[in-house]
């Protein structure tokens, strides 16, 4: 995402790098299956998680679409997946890592499809000025003093100046949201009437800072 071929690198790191699975300008709805090995049972509670590259605020939904269908917005809106309860978590270090549970902010009025739940991101618009706000939410991974006192943006950001030297931070990130060690964890309650088979789980993020919508997806198998 970020730019089209021939446009060059985008500001603030918004630049997709071609890889063995996808290239710039590919339609996400036409990407080949990538089985994850994840098997879920209809009617049960499952755990999902996501992490952040850019802090654009806003909120998100989880939806499903049968893998054999056309993977478009109409299909995903027909199968919204409700959150299991009104809580969410921040988790550092993956499964088994430090976890902080909090009350989520959910909205079910004015959403699409009608009556579905949209959840506000717990990570607001990111701070660029570390001297005022600090490098990232606590708790953070151990960083050297050079990182804790740094005020210049990391490589990939619009204002990065290579003459400032090597970027001194390794894991806590900065205002652009590179919190590689942090996940937002939610629990979903799968509808009991899901047909068994191959499905695609979609995650839609509606940004607050800009008029951007980001979509990510993963292949799952549903059993009954």
Protein backbone atom coordinates (compact mmCIF):
# COMPACT_ATOMS: atom_id res chain seq x y z
CA UNK A 1 0.00 0.00 0.00
CA UNK A 2 0.95 3.66 0.12
CA UNK A 3 1.97 4.31 -3.49
CA UNK A 4 1.56 2.97 -7.00
CA UNK A 5 4.43 1.80 -9.26
CA UNK A 6 6.44 4.73 -10.57
CA UNK A 7 5.54 7.08 -7.72
CA UNK A 8 8.63 6.44 -5.64
CA UNK A 9 8.76 6.05 -1.87
CA UNK A 10 5.91 7.47 0.16
CA UNK A 11 6.33 9.70 3.19
CA UNK A 12 6.08 8.37 6.75
CA UNK A 13 7.01 4.87 5.65
CA UNK A 14 3.83 4.27 3.63
CA UNK A 15 5.61 2.13 1.09
CA UNK A 16 4.82 -1.52 0.32
CA UNK A 17 7.73 -3.77 -0.59
CA UNK A 18 7.14 -6.51 -3.17
CA UNK A 19 7.56 -10.05 -1.87
CA UNK A 20 6.91 -13.64 -2.91
CA UNK A 21 3.20 -13.41 -2.00
CA UNK A 22 2.20 -10.01 -3.35
CA UNK A 23 3.40 -6.98 -5.28
CA UNK A 24 2.33 -3.37 -5.55
CA UNK A 25 -1.10 -2.80 -7.13
CA UNK A 26 -2.27 -6.39 -6.53
CA UNK A 27 -5.96 -6.61 -5.63
CA UNK A 28 -6.29 -7.99 -2.12
CA UNK A 29 -9.52 -9.69 -3.12
CA UNK A 30 -7.65 -11.79 -5.69
CA UNK A 31 -4.64 -12.92 -3.65
CA UNK A 32 -4.17 -16.71 -3.55
CA UNK A 33 -5.13 -18.62 -0.38
CA UNK A 34 -2.53 -18.72 2.37
CA UNK A 35 -3.71 -21.42 4.81
CA UNK A 36 -2.77 -20.54 8.38
CA UNK A 37 -3.61 -23.89 9.96
CA UNK A 38 -6.01 -22.09 12.30
CA UNK A 39 -9.15 -24.10 13.06
CA UNK A 40 -12.07 -22.51 14.91
CA UNK A 41 -15.36 -24.01 16.10
CA UNK A 42 -18.57 -22.12 15.32
CA UNK A 43 -20.22 -20.68 18.42
CA UNK A 44 -17.03 -20.47 20.48
CA UNK A 45 -14.87 -17.58 21.70
CA UNK A 46 -11.56 -17.09 19.85
CA UNK A 47 -8.60 -14.78 20.39
CA UNK A 48 -7.36 -12.37 17.74
CA UNK A 49 -4.61 -9.74 17.80
CA UNK A 50 -3.17 -6.97 15.66
CA UNK A 51 -0.27 -4.55 15.83
CA UNK A 52 0.29 -1.04 14.55
CA UNK A 53 2.62 0.52 12.00
CA UNK A 54 1.14 4.03 11.86
CA UNK A 55 -0.79 5.79 14.60
CA UNK A 56 -3.82 7.14 12.78
CA UNK A 57 -6.39 6.66 15.54
CA UNK A 58 -9.90 5.52 14.60
CA UNK A 59 -11.28 2.06 15.17
CA UNK A 60 -11.86 -1.36 13.72
CA UNK A 61 -14.15 -4.35 13.11
CA UNK A 62 -13.64 -8.05 12.48
CA UNK A 63 -15.72 -9.73 9.76
CA UNK A 64 -15.82 -13.06 7.92
CA UNK A 65 -16.38 -14.05 4.30
CA UNK A 66 -16.53 -17.58 2.84
CA UNK A 67 -13.25 -18.19 1.02
CA UNK A 68 -15.08 -19.35 -2.11
CA UNK A 69 -16.99 -16.06 -2.39
CA UNK A 70 -15.85 -12.81 -3.94
CA UNK A 71 -13.88 -11.13 -1.16
CA UNK A 72 -15.51 -7.73 -1.27
CA UNK A 73 -17.04 -5.32 1.23
CA UNK A 74 -20.54 -6.67 0.61
CA UNK A 75 -19.51 -10.18 1.63
CA UNK A 76 -17.63 -9.09 4.74
CA UNK A 77 -20.47 -6.82 5.87
CA UNK A 78 -22.83 -9.80 5.64
CA UNK A 79 -20.80 -11.67 8.31
CA UNK A 80 -19.73 -9.29 11.12
CA UNK A 81 -18.14 -11.02 14.10
CA UNK A 82 -19.16 -9.61 17.51
CA UNK A 83 -16.69 -9.03 20.30
CA UNK A 84 -17.08 -11.52 23.14
CA UNK A 85 -17.27 -8.80 25.81
CA UNK A 86 -16.50 -5.15 26.44
CA UNK A 87 -12.82 -5.57 27.24
CA UNK A 88 -9.62 -5.53 25.22
CA UNK A 89 -5.94 -6.01 26.09
CA UNK A 90 -2.49 -4.70 25.31
CA UNK A 91 0.11 -7.47 25.21
CA UNK A 92 3.88 -7.18 25.09
CA UNK A 93 6.07 -10.07 23.93
CA UNK A 94 3.52 -12.32 22.23
CA UNK A 95 1.62 -15.22 23.80
CA UNK A 96 2.51 -15.51 27.47
CA UNK A 97 3.87 -11.96 27.57
CA UNK A 98 2.87 -9.10 29.85
CA UNK A 99 -0.79 -8.23 29.37
CA UNK A 100 -2.90 -5.25 30.42
CA UNK A 101 -6.70 -5.63 30.17
CA UNK A 102 -8.92 -2.53 29.92
CA UNK A 103 -12.51 -1.55 29.13
CA UNK A 104 -12.91 -1.02 25.41
CA UNK A 105 -14.93 1.76 23.78
CA UNK A 106 -17.51 0.13 21.48
CA UNK A 107 -20.07 1.72 19.17
CA UNK A 108 -23.09 -0.08 17.70
CA UNK A 109 -25.09 2.91 16.43
CA UNK A 110 -24.47 4.23 12.93
CA UNK A 111 -22.25 1.29 12.04
CA UNK A 112 -22.18 -0.88 8.91
CA UNK A 113 -23.82 -3.29 8.82
CA UNK A 114 -26.53 -1.84 11.06
CA UNK A 115 -26.19 -3.03 14.65
CA UNK A 116 -22.66 -4.37 14.27
CA UNK A 117 -19.94 -3.27 16.70
CA UNK A 118 -17.03 -0.95 15.90
CA UNK A 119 -14.24 -0.74 18.50
CA UNK A 120 -12.10 2.34 19.04
CA UNK A 121 -8.37 1.81 18.76
CA UNK A 122 -6.67 2.16 22.16
CA UNK A 123 -3.66 3.75 20.44
CA UNK A 124 -4.39 7.42 19.63
CA UNK A 125 -2.62 9.63 17.12
CA UNK A 126 1.08 9.14 17.84
CA UNK A 127 3.38 11.79 19.32
CA UNK A 128 6.29 12.95 17.20
CA UNK A 129 8.02 15.00 19.90
CA UNK A 130 9.63 12.56 22.30
CA UNK A 131 10.99 15.28 24.52
CA UNK A 132 7.37 16.07 25.42
CA UNK A 133 5.58 12.74 25.26
CA UNK A 134 8.21 10.00 25.54
CA UNK A 135 8.92 7.30 22.95
CA UNK A 136 5.96 4.98 23.40
CA UNK A 137 3.30 3.74 25.82
CA UNK A 138 4.50 2.01 28.98
CA UNK A 139 5.70 -0.58 29.61
CA UNK A 140 8.34 -0.52 26.89
CA UNK A 141 11.23 -2.83 26.11
CA UNK A 142 14.68 -1.88 27.36
CA UNK A 143 16.25 0.87 25.26
CA UNK A 144 19.59 2.71 25.58
CA UNK A 145 19.78 6.27 26.81
CA UNK A 146 20.40 7.42 23.23
CA UNK A 147 16.92 6.20 22.35
CA UNK A 148 15.20 7.58 25.44
CA UNK A 149 16.61 11.05 24.78
CA UNK A 150 16.28 10.99 20.99
CA UNK A 151 14.08 13.55 19.25
CA UNK A 152 14.65 12.72 15.58
CA UNK A 153 12.24 10.55 13.55
CA UNK A 154 13.22 7.07 12.41
CA UNK A 155 14.15 5.98 8.86
CA UNK A 156 11.12 5.93 6.60
CA UNK A 157 9.49 9.00 8.12
CA UNK A 158 9.00 12.13 6.08
CA UNK A 159 11.44 14.21 8.15
CA UNK A 160 14.22 11.70 8.75
CA UNK A 161 17.69 13.13 8.09
CA UNK A 162 20.38 10.44 7.48
CA UNK A 163 23.05 12.90 8.62
CA UNK A 164 21.71 12.54 12.18
CA UNK A 165 23.33 9.13 12.33
CA UNK A 166 22.01 5.65 12.99
CA UNK A 167 18.58 5.42 14.53
CA UNK A 168 19.21 4.61 18.22
CA UNK A 169 16.03 2.64 19.03
CA UNK A 170 15.55 -1.07 18.45
CA UNK A 171 12.15 -2.13 19.75
CA UNK A 172 10.00 0.53 21.42
CA UNK A 173 9.31 2.54 18.27
CA UNK A 174 8.43 6.19 17.91
CA UNK A 175 5.55 8.44 16.97
CA UNK A 176 5.07 6.60 13.66
CA UNK A 177 3.90 3.61 15.63
CA UNK A 178 6.68 1.07 15.23
CA UNK A 179 5.84 -0.77 18.44
CA UNK A 180 7.06 -4.13 17.23
CA UNK A 181 6.62 -5.71 20.65
CA UNK A 182 3.01 -4.59 21.24
CA UNK A 183 -0.28 -6.23 20.23
CA UNK A 184 -3.91 -5.25 20.71
CA UNK A 185 -5.73 -8.45 21.72
CA UNK A 186 -9.48 -9.03 21.47
CA UNK A 187 -11.81 -11.97 21.94
CA UNK A 188 -14.51 -12.66 19.35
CA UNK A 189 -17.65 -14.77 19.70
CA UNK A 190 -18.12 -16.73 16.49
CA UNK A 191 -21.74 -17.02 15.36
CA UNK A 192 -23.09 -20.52 15.99
CA UNK A 193 -24.71 -20.71 12.55
CA UNK A 194 -21.51 -20.46 10.50
CA UNK A 195 -21.25 -23.09 7.81
CA UNK A 196 -18.23 -25.39 8.21
CA UNK A 197 -15.49 -24.85 5.68
CA UNK A 198 -12.84 -22.37 4.61
CA UNK A 199 -13.36 -18.73 5.57
CA UNK A 200 -11.42 -15.49 5.39
CA UNK A 201 -11.24 -13.36 8.54
CA UNK A 202 -11.10 -9.67 7.68
CA UNK A 203 -9.95 -6.80 9.90
CA UNK A 204 -11.08 -3.32 8.80
CA UNK A 205 -9.48 -0.23 10.29
CA UNK A 206 -11.19 3.14 9.71
CA UNK A 207 -8.66 5.87 10.47
CA UNK A 208 -9.41 9.05 12.40
CA UNK A 209 -6.42 11.16 11.39
CA UNK A 210 -7.03 10.68 7.66
CA UNK A 211 -9.69 9.40 5.26
CA UNK A 212 -7.96 6.03 5.04
CA UNK A 213 -9.40 2.53 5.38
CA UNK A 214 -6.98 -0.36 5.86
CA UNK A 215 -7.95 -4.00 5.44
CA UNK A 216 -6.09 -7.13 6.44
CA UNK A 217 -7.18 -10.73 6.24
CA UNK A 218 -6.23 -14.31 7.10
CA UNK A 219 -7.45 -17.77 6.16
CA UNK A 220 -9.20 -19.87 8.83
CA UNK A 221 -11.08 -23.17 8.88
CA UNK A 222 -14.46 -23.25 10.63
CA UNK A 223 -15.80 -26.53 12.04
CA UNK A 224 -19.00 -27.37 13.93
